[in-house]
N, C-alpha and C. Protein backbone atom coordinates (compact mmCIF):
# COMPACT_ATOMS: atom_id res chain seq x y z
N MET A 1 85.41 106.11 109.39
CA MET A 1 86.26 107.33 109.16
C MET A 1 87.45 106.79 108.40
N GLN A 2 87.80 107.57 107.43
CA GLN A 2 88.94 107.24 106.55
C GLN A 2 90.11 108.25 106.71
N PHE A 3 91.31 107.83 106.81
CA PHE A 3 92.41 108.66 106.85
C PHE A 3 93.28 108.50 105.67
N GLY A 4 93.73 109.56 105.07
CA GLY A 4 94.67 109.49 103.92
C GLY A 4 93.93 109.02 102.72
N GLY A 5 94.43 108.19 101.89
CA GLY A 5 93.71 107.70 100.66
C GLY A 5 94.55 106.58 100.13
N ARG A 6 94.31 106.36 98.91
CA ARG A 6 95.11 105.12 98.25
C ARG A 6 96.62 105.30 98.36
N ASP A 7 97.04 106.52 98.17
CA ASP A 7 98.50 106.79 98.27
C ASP A 7 99.07 106.56 99.61
N VAL A 8 98.33 107.00 100.60
CA VAL A 8 98.77 106.77 101.95
C VAL A 8 98.75 105.30 102.30
N THR A 9 97.69 104.58 101.94
CA THR A 9 97.66 103.11 102.17
C THR A 9 98.77 102.40 101.45
N ARG A 10 99.01 102.79 100.25
CA ARG A 10 100.08 102.16 99.36
C ARG A 10 101.41 102.38 100.16
N ALA A 11 101.73 103.62 100.56
CA ALA A 11 102.96 103.87 101.28
C ALA A 11 103.16 103.03 102.57
N GLN A 12 102.01 102.90 103.26
CA GLN A 12 102.11 102.22 104.55
C GLN A 12 102.36 100.77 104.27
N LEU A 13 101.64 100.18 103.25
CA LEU A 13 101.89 98.73 102.92
C LEU A 13 103.29 98.58 102.37
N ASN A 14 103.83 99.48 101.55
CA ASN A 14 105.20 99.34 101.12
C ASN A 14 106.20 99.42 102.24
N HIS A 15 105.91 100.30 103.23
CA HIS A 15 106.78 100.32 104.45
C HIS A 15 106.80 99.04 105.19
N LEU A 16 105.54 98.41 105.33
CA LEU A 16 105.46 97.09 105.97
C LEU A 16 106.23 96.02 105.22
N VAL A 17 106.21 96.04 103.94
CA VAL A 17 106.89 95.05 103.10
C VAL A 17 108.40 95.22 103.25
N GLU A 18 108.82 96.52 103.17
CA GLU A 18 110.30 96.79 103.34
C GLU A 18 110.80 96.46 104.74
N THR A 19 109.92 96.80 105.81
CA THR A 19 110.45 96.56 107.18
C THR A 19 110.41 95.06 107.39
N SER A 20 109.57 94.27 106.72
CA SER A 20 109.56 92.87 106.98
C SER A 20 110.71 92.08 106.43
N LYS A 21 111.56 92.79 105.59
CA LYS A 21 112.82 92.20 105.05
C LYS A 21 113.85 92.19 106.09
N GLU A 22 113.70 92.83 107.30
CA GLU A 22 114.68 92.75 108.34
C GLU A 22 114.70 91.34 108.88
N PRO A 23 115.79 90.85 109.31
CA PRO A 23 115.80 89.43 109.79
C PRO A 23 114.97 89.19 111.03
N HIS A 24 114.79 90.20 111.85
CA HIS A 24 114.13 90.05 113.19
C HIS A 24 112.71 90.35 113.11
N ILE A 25 112.12 90.58 111.92
CA ILE A 25 110.74 90.98 111.76
C ILE A 25 109.98 90.00 110.83
N THR A 26 108.80 89.52 111.28
CA THR A 26 107.95 88.72 110.48
C THR A 26 106.58 89.36 110.25
N LEU A 27 106.21 89.46 109.03
CA LEU A 27 104.93 90.05 108.63
C LEU A 27 104.02 88.89 108.24
N ARG A 28 102.90 88.82 109.00
CA ARG A 28 101.94 87.79 108.68
C ARG A 28 100.54 88.47 108.41
N VAL A 29 99.92 88.02 107.39
CA VAL A 29 98.50 88.50 107.10
C VAL A 29 97.58 87.53 107.53
N ILE A 30 96.68 87.85 108.39
CA ILE A 30 95.75 86.98 109.00
C ILE A 30 94.29 87.31 108.45
N PRO A 31 93.60 86.39 108.01
CA PRO A 31 92.21 86.62 107.46
C PRO A 31 91.43 87.29 108.52
N SER A 32 90.49 88.10 108.09
CA SER A 32 89.55 88.79 109.02
C SER A 32 88.64 87.79 109.76
N THR A 33 88.49 86.59 109.11
CA THR A 33 87.65 85.52 109.68
C THR A 33 88.38 84.67 110.77
N ALA A 34 89.68 84.91 111.01
CA ALA A 34 90.41 84.18 111.98
C ALA A 34 90.00 84.62 113.37
N PRO A 35 90.10 83.66 114.37
CA PRO A 35 89.72 83.95 115.68
C PRO A 35 90.59 85.12 116.25
N ARG A 36 90.01 85.87 117.06
CA ARG A 36 90.64 87.07 117.54
C ARG A 36 91.65 86.97 118.72
N SER A 37 91.72 85.77 119.23
CA SER A 37 92.56 85.72 120.45
C SER A 37 93.96 85.06 119.97
N PRO A 38 95.03 85.78 120.25
CA PRO A 38 96.40 85.40 119.81
C PRO A 38 96.98 84.37 120.76
N PRO A 39 97.97 83.56 120.33
CA PRO A 39 98.61 82.74 121.31
C PRO A 39 99.11 83.50 122.38
N PRO A 40 99.06 83.01 123.70
CA PRO A 40 99.48 83.83 124.83
C PRO A 40 100.91 84.12 124.87
N ALA A 41 101.87 83.42 124.25
CA ALA A 41 103.24 83.73 124.31
C ALA A 41 103.77 84.56 123.17
N MET A 42 102.82 85.10 122.44
CA MET A 42 103.27 85.86 121.21
C MET A 42 102.82 87.32 121.30
N ALA A 43 103.70 88.31 121.08
CA ALA A 43 103.27 89.66 121.09
C ALA A 43 102.81 89.93 119.60
N TRP A 44 101.76 90.67 119.49
CA TRP A 44 101.18 90.93 118.12
C TRP A 44 100.38 92.28 118.15
N THR A 45 100.14 92.78 116.99
CA THR A 45 99.35 94.00 116.84
C THR A 45 98.37 93.68 115.61
N ALA A 46 97.14 93.91 115.87
CA ALA A 46 96.19 93.68 114.90
C ALA A 46 95.90 95.08 114.11
N LEU A 47 96.02 95.12 112.81
CA LEU A 47 95.76 96.31 112.02
C LEU A 47 94.62 96.07 111.11
N THR A 48 93.74 97.02 110.91
CA THR A 48 92.60 96.69 109.95
C THR A 48 92.67 97.81 108.87
N ALA A 49 92.22 97.54 107.71
CA ALA A 49 92.19 98.36 106.60
C ALA A 49 90.88 98.30 105.98
N PRO A 50 90.43 99.42 105.34
CA PRO A 50 89.10 99.39 104.73
C PRO A 50 89.13 98.42 103.60
């Protein structure tokens, strides 16, 4: 199922980039081949894109 389109995806990615400029926010891109279990002491959210 797809929501939005290229413009929506672009806006979301731009929002993430702008938000990551805040000193208390870190944006990390993890390859889809990375193990799915996060370090236990770290809060995180996994987002997927088409």
